Amino acid sequence: MPSYTPRKVCPPNLTAGAKSSHRSPRKQSRVLTWPVATVFGFIAQPETHIFLKPTVTRLAAKEYGFDFRYRPRPSWKTYSSLLEFAQEIGDEIRELRPRDLIDIQSFIWVLGSDEYE
């Protein structure tokens, strides 16, 4: 199986979710978060979309030496930076033959999570 090469595509739920989440029934609820904005695209099309857990991803990027352009509010700028990070990791671990962004996100999780220290 060929190694994974991500495509740079804005997930539909990122823009649609950002537009509709302000209508949340509770003003204090945190509906527009990175996990909510990215999880459905990631599940539906893991060859195209990646899941963003902010804390773990920021720690992984720092550990890896990648300049991750993170902002708390979901935006294309942050998501495209995450895709660049995924591409860099995919290139680096090509010999491991990652199948999709699930494999790349798993690598990010291990790198950035304190569970694996």
C-alpha atoms as a PDB file:
ATOM      1  CA  MET A   1       0.000   0.000   0.000  1.00  0.00           C
ATOM      2  CA  PRO A   2       1.426   3.451  -0.888  1.00  0.00           C
ATOM      3  CA  SER A   3       2.366   5.845   1.862  1.00  0.00           C
ATOM      4  CA  TYR A   4      -0.093   8.554   2.778  1.00  0.00           C
ATOM      5  CA  THR A   5       0.013  12.017   1.209  1.00  0.00           C
ATOM      6  CA  PRO A   6      -2.621  14.423   2.593  1.00  0.00           C
ATOM      7  CA  ARG A   7      -4.663  16.658   0.343  1.00  0.00           C
ATOM      8  CA  LYS A   8      -5.212  20.232   1.449  1.00  0.00           C
ATOM      9  CA  VAL A   9      -8.977  20.510   1.650  1.00  0.00           C
ATOM     10  CA  CYS A  10     -11.014  22.566   4.075  1.00  0.00           C
ATOM     11  CA  PRO A  11     -13.428  20.210   5.846  1.00  0.00           C
ATOM     12  CA  PRO A  12     -17.055  21.152   5.172  1.00  0.00           C
ATOM     13  CA  ASN A  13     -17.902  20.929   8.854  1.00  0.00           C
ATOM     14  CA  LEU A  14     -15.177  23.464   9.701  1.00  0.00           C
ATOM     15  CA  THR A  15     -16.858  26.274   7.797  1.00  0.00           C
ATOM     16  CA  ALA A  16     -20.452  25.105   8.224  1.00  0.00           C
ATOM     17  CA  GLY A  17     -19.940  24.440  11.919  1.00  0.00           C
ATOM     18  CA  ALA A  18     -18.371  27.821  12.438  1.00  0.00           C
ATOM     19  CA  LYS A  19     -21.345  29.522  10.808  1.00  0.00           C
ATOM     20  CA  SER A  20     -24.028  27.617  12.704  1.00  0.00           C
ATOM     21  CA  SER A  21     -22.496  27.094  16.140  1.00  0.00           C
ATOM     22  CA  HIS A  22     -23.253  30.647  17.258  1.00  0.00           C
ATOM     23  CA  ARG A  23     -26.907  29.556  17.391  1.00  0.00           C
ATOM     24  CA  SER A  24     -26.164  27.178  20.252  1.00  0.00           C
ATOM     25  CA  PRO A  25     -29.036  27.115  22.771  1.00  0.00           C
ATOM     26  CA  ARG A  26     -26.694  27.889  25.668  1.00  0.00           C
ATOM     27  CA  LYS A  27     -24.491  30.933  25.384  1.00  0.00           C
ATOM     28  CA  GLN A  28     -21.936  29.454  27.783  1.00  0.00           C
ATOM     29  CA  SER A  29     -21.554  26.151  25.916  1.00  0.00           C
ATOM     30  CA  ARG A  30     -18.347  25.555  23.998  1.00  0.00           C
ATOM     31  CA  VAL A  31     -19.737  24.157  20.766  1.00  0.00           C
ATOM     32  CA  LEU A  32     -17.242  25.709  18.390  1.00  0.00           C
ATOM     33  CA  THR A  33     -14.137  23.808  19.458  1.00  0.00           C
ATOM     34  CA  TRP A  34     -11.449  22.197  17.365  1.00  0.00           C
ATOM     35  CA  PRO A  35     -12.448  18.645  18.286  1.00  0.00           C
ATOM     36  CA  VAL A  36     -16.088  19.289  17.301  1.00  0.00           C
ATOM     37  CA  ALA A  37     -15.097  21.115  14.106  1.00  0.00           C
ATOM     38  CA  THR A  38     -12.738  18.360  12.931  1.00  0.00           C
ATOM     39  CA  VAL A  39     -13.969  15.004  14.227  1.00  0.00           C
ATOM     40  CA  PHE A  40     -16.696  14.283  11.665  1.00  0.00           C
ATOM     41  CA  GLY A  41     -14.538  14.935   8.610  1.00  0.00           C
ATOM     42  CA  PHE A  42     -11.792  12.841  10.201  1.00  0.00           C
ATOM     43  CA  ILE A  43     -14.152   9.902  10.759  1.00  0.00           C
ATOM     44  CA  ALA A  44     -15.804  10.165   7.343  1.00  0.00           C
ATOM     45  CA  GLN A  45     -12.691  10.822   5.229  1.00  0.00           C
ATOM     46  CA  PRO A  46      -9.499  10.045   7.147  1.00  0.00           C
ATOM     47  CA  GLU A  47      -7.496  10.119   3.931  1.00  0.00           C
ATOM     48  CA  THR A  48      -8.340  13.841   3.608  1.00  0.00           C
ATOM     49  CA  HIS A  49      -9.194  15.253   7.045  1.00  0.00           C
ATOM     50  CA  ILE A  50      -7.406  15.259  10.376  1.00  0.00           C
ATOM     51  CA  PHE A  51      -8.656  15.573  13.945  1.00  0.00           C
ATOM     52  CA  LEU A  52      -7.303  18.397  16.088  1.00  0.00           C
ATOM     53  CA  LYS A  53      -6.863  18.026  19.836  1.00  0.00           C
ATOM     54  CA  PRO A  54      -5.265  21.398  20.588  1.00  0.00           C
ATOM     55  CA  THR A  55      -3.156  20.721  23.680  1.00  0.00           C
ATOM     56  CA  VAL A  56      -1.664  17.463  22.466  1.00  0.00           C
ATOM     57  CA  THR A  57      -1.071  18.825  18.961  1.00  0.00           C
ATOM     58  CA  ARG A  58       0.632  21.993  20.217  1.00  0.00           C
ATOM     59  CA  LEU A  59       2.901  19.936  22.488  1.00  0.00           C
ATOM     60  CA  ALA A  60       3.690  17.514  19.654  1.00  0.00           C
ATOM     61  CA  ALA A  61       4.506  20.369  17.266  1.00  0.00           C
ATOM     62  CA  LYS A  62       6.783  21.957  19.842  1.00  0.00           C
ATOM     63  CA  GLU A  63       8.528  18.624  20.497  1.00  0.00           C
ATOM     64  CA  TYR A  64       8.869  18.027  16.761  1.00  0.00           C
ATOM     65  CA  GLY A  65      10.145  21.549  16.074  1.00  0.00           C
ATOM     66  CA  PHE A  66       7.230  22.533  13.843  1.00  0.00           C
ATOM     67  CA  ASP A  67       5.885  26.102  13.891  1.00  0.00           C
ATOM     68  CA  PHE A  68       2.198  25.263  14.389  1.00  0.00           C
ATOM     69  CA  ARG A  69       0.082  28.371  13.780  1.00  0.00           C
ATOM     70  CA  TYR A  70      -2.620  27.672  16.338  1.00  0.00           C
ATOM     71  CA  ARG A  71      -5.589  29.850  17.254  1.00  0.00           C
ATOM     72  CA  PRO A  72      -8.330  28.630  19.635  1.00  0.00           C
ATOM     73  CA  ARG A  73     -11.201  29.549  17.316  1.00  0.00           C
ATOM     74  CA  PRO A  74     -11.496  27.156  14.351  1.00  0.00           C
ATOM     75  CA  SER A  75     -10.123  28.716  11.185  1.00  0.00           C
ATOM     76  CA  TRP A  76      -8.583  27.691   7.897  1.00  0.00           C
ATOM     77  CA  LYS A  77      -5.217  29.202   8.908  1.00  0.00           C
ATOM     78  CA  THR A  78      -4.856  26.836  11.868  1.00  0.00           C
ATOM     79  CA  TYR A  79      -6.284  23.843  10.005  1.00  0.00           C
ATOM     80  CA  SER A  80      -3.973  24.342   7.031  1.00  0.00           C
ATOM     81  CA  SER A  81      -1.035  24.599   9.447  1.00  0.00           C
ATOM     82  CA  LEU A  82      -2.116  21.264  10.933  1.00  0.00           C
ATOM     83  CA  LEU A  83      -2.242  19.733   7.445  1.00  0.00           C
ATOM     84  CA  GLU A  84       1.294  21.019   6.815  1.00  0.00           C
ATOM     85  CA  PHE A  85       2.397  19.414  10.086  1.00  0.00           C
ATOM     86  CA  ALA A  86       0.716  16.154   9.053  1.00  0.00           C
ATOM     87  CA  GLN A  87       2.470  16.303   5.663  1.00  0.00           C
ATOM     88  CA  GLU A  88       5.848  16.842   7.313  1.00  0.00           C
ATOM     89  CA  ILE A  89       5.276  13.923   9.674  1.00  0.00           C
ATOM     90  CA  GLY A  90       4.021  11.748   6.813  1.00  0.00           C
ATOM     91  CA  ASP A  91       7.166  12.493   4.827  1.00  0.00           C
ATOM     92  CA  GLU A  92       9.348  11.745   7.851  1.00  0.00           C
ATOM     93  CA  ILE A  93       7.713   8.403   8.692  1.00  0.00           C
ATOM     94  CA  ARG A  94       7.131   7.243   5.127  1.00  0.00           C
ATOM     95  CA  GLU A  95       8.985   3.973   5.820  1.00  0.00           C
ATOM     96  CA  LEU A  96       6.294   3.117   8.389  1.00  0.00           C
ATOM     97  CA  ARG A  97       3.722   3.374   5.576  1.00  0.00           C
ATOM     98  CA  PRO A  98       0.985   5.452   7.220  1.00  0.00           C
ATOM     99  CA  ARG A  99      -2.316   4.622   5.531  1.00  0.00           C
ATOM    100  CA  ASP A 100      -4.178   7.847   6.254  1.00  0.00           C
ATOM    101  CA  LEU A 101      -4.483  10.714   8.697  1.00  0.00           C
ATOM    102  CA  ILE A 102      -5.568   8.331  11.453  1.00  0.00           C
ATOM    103  CA  ASP A 103      -2.016   6.991  11.465  1.00  0.00           C
ATOM    104  CA  ILE A 104      -0.569  10.516  11.362  1.00  0.00           C
ATOM    105  CA  GLN A 105      -2.875  11.726  14.145  1.00  0.00           C
ATOM    106  CA  SER A 106      -1.897   8.692  16.215  1.00  0.00           C
ATOM    107  CA  PHE A 107       1.759   9.648  15.794  1.00  0.00           C
ATOM    108  CA  ILE A 108       0.924  13.209  16.892  1.00  0.00           C
ATOM    109  CA  TRP A 109      -0.947  11.843  19.920  1.00  0.00           C
ATOM    110  CA  VAL A 110       1.974   9.684  21.042  1.00  0.00           C
ATOM    111  CA  LEU A 111       4.408  12.562  20.545  1.00  0.00           C
ATOM    112  CA  GLY A 112       2.297  15.137  22.394  1.00  0.00           C
ATOM    113  CA  SER A 113       0.548  13.144  25.100  1.00  0.00           C
ATOM    114  CA  ASP A 114       1.984  12.687  28.579  1.00  0.00           C
ATOM    115  CA  GLU A 115       0.524   9.155  28.557  1.00  0.00           C
ATOM    116  CA  TYR A 116       3.631   7.941  26.728  1.00  0.00           C
ATOM    117  CA  GLU A 117       6.377   9.588  28.777  1.00  0.00           C
END
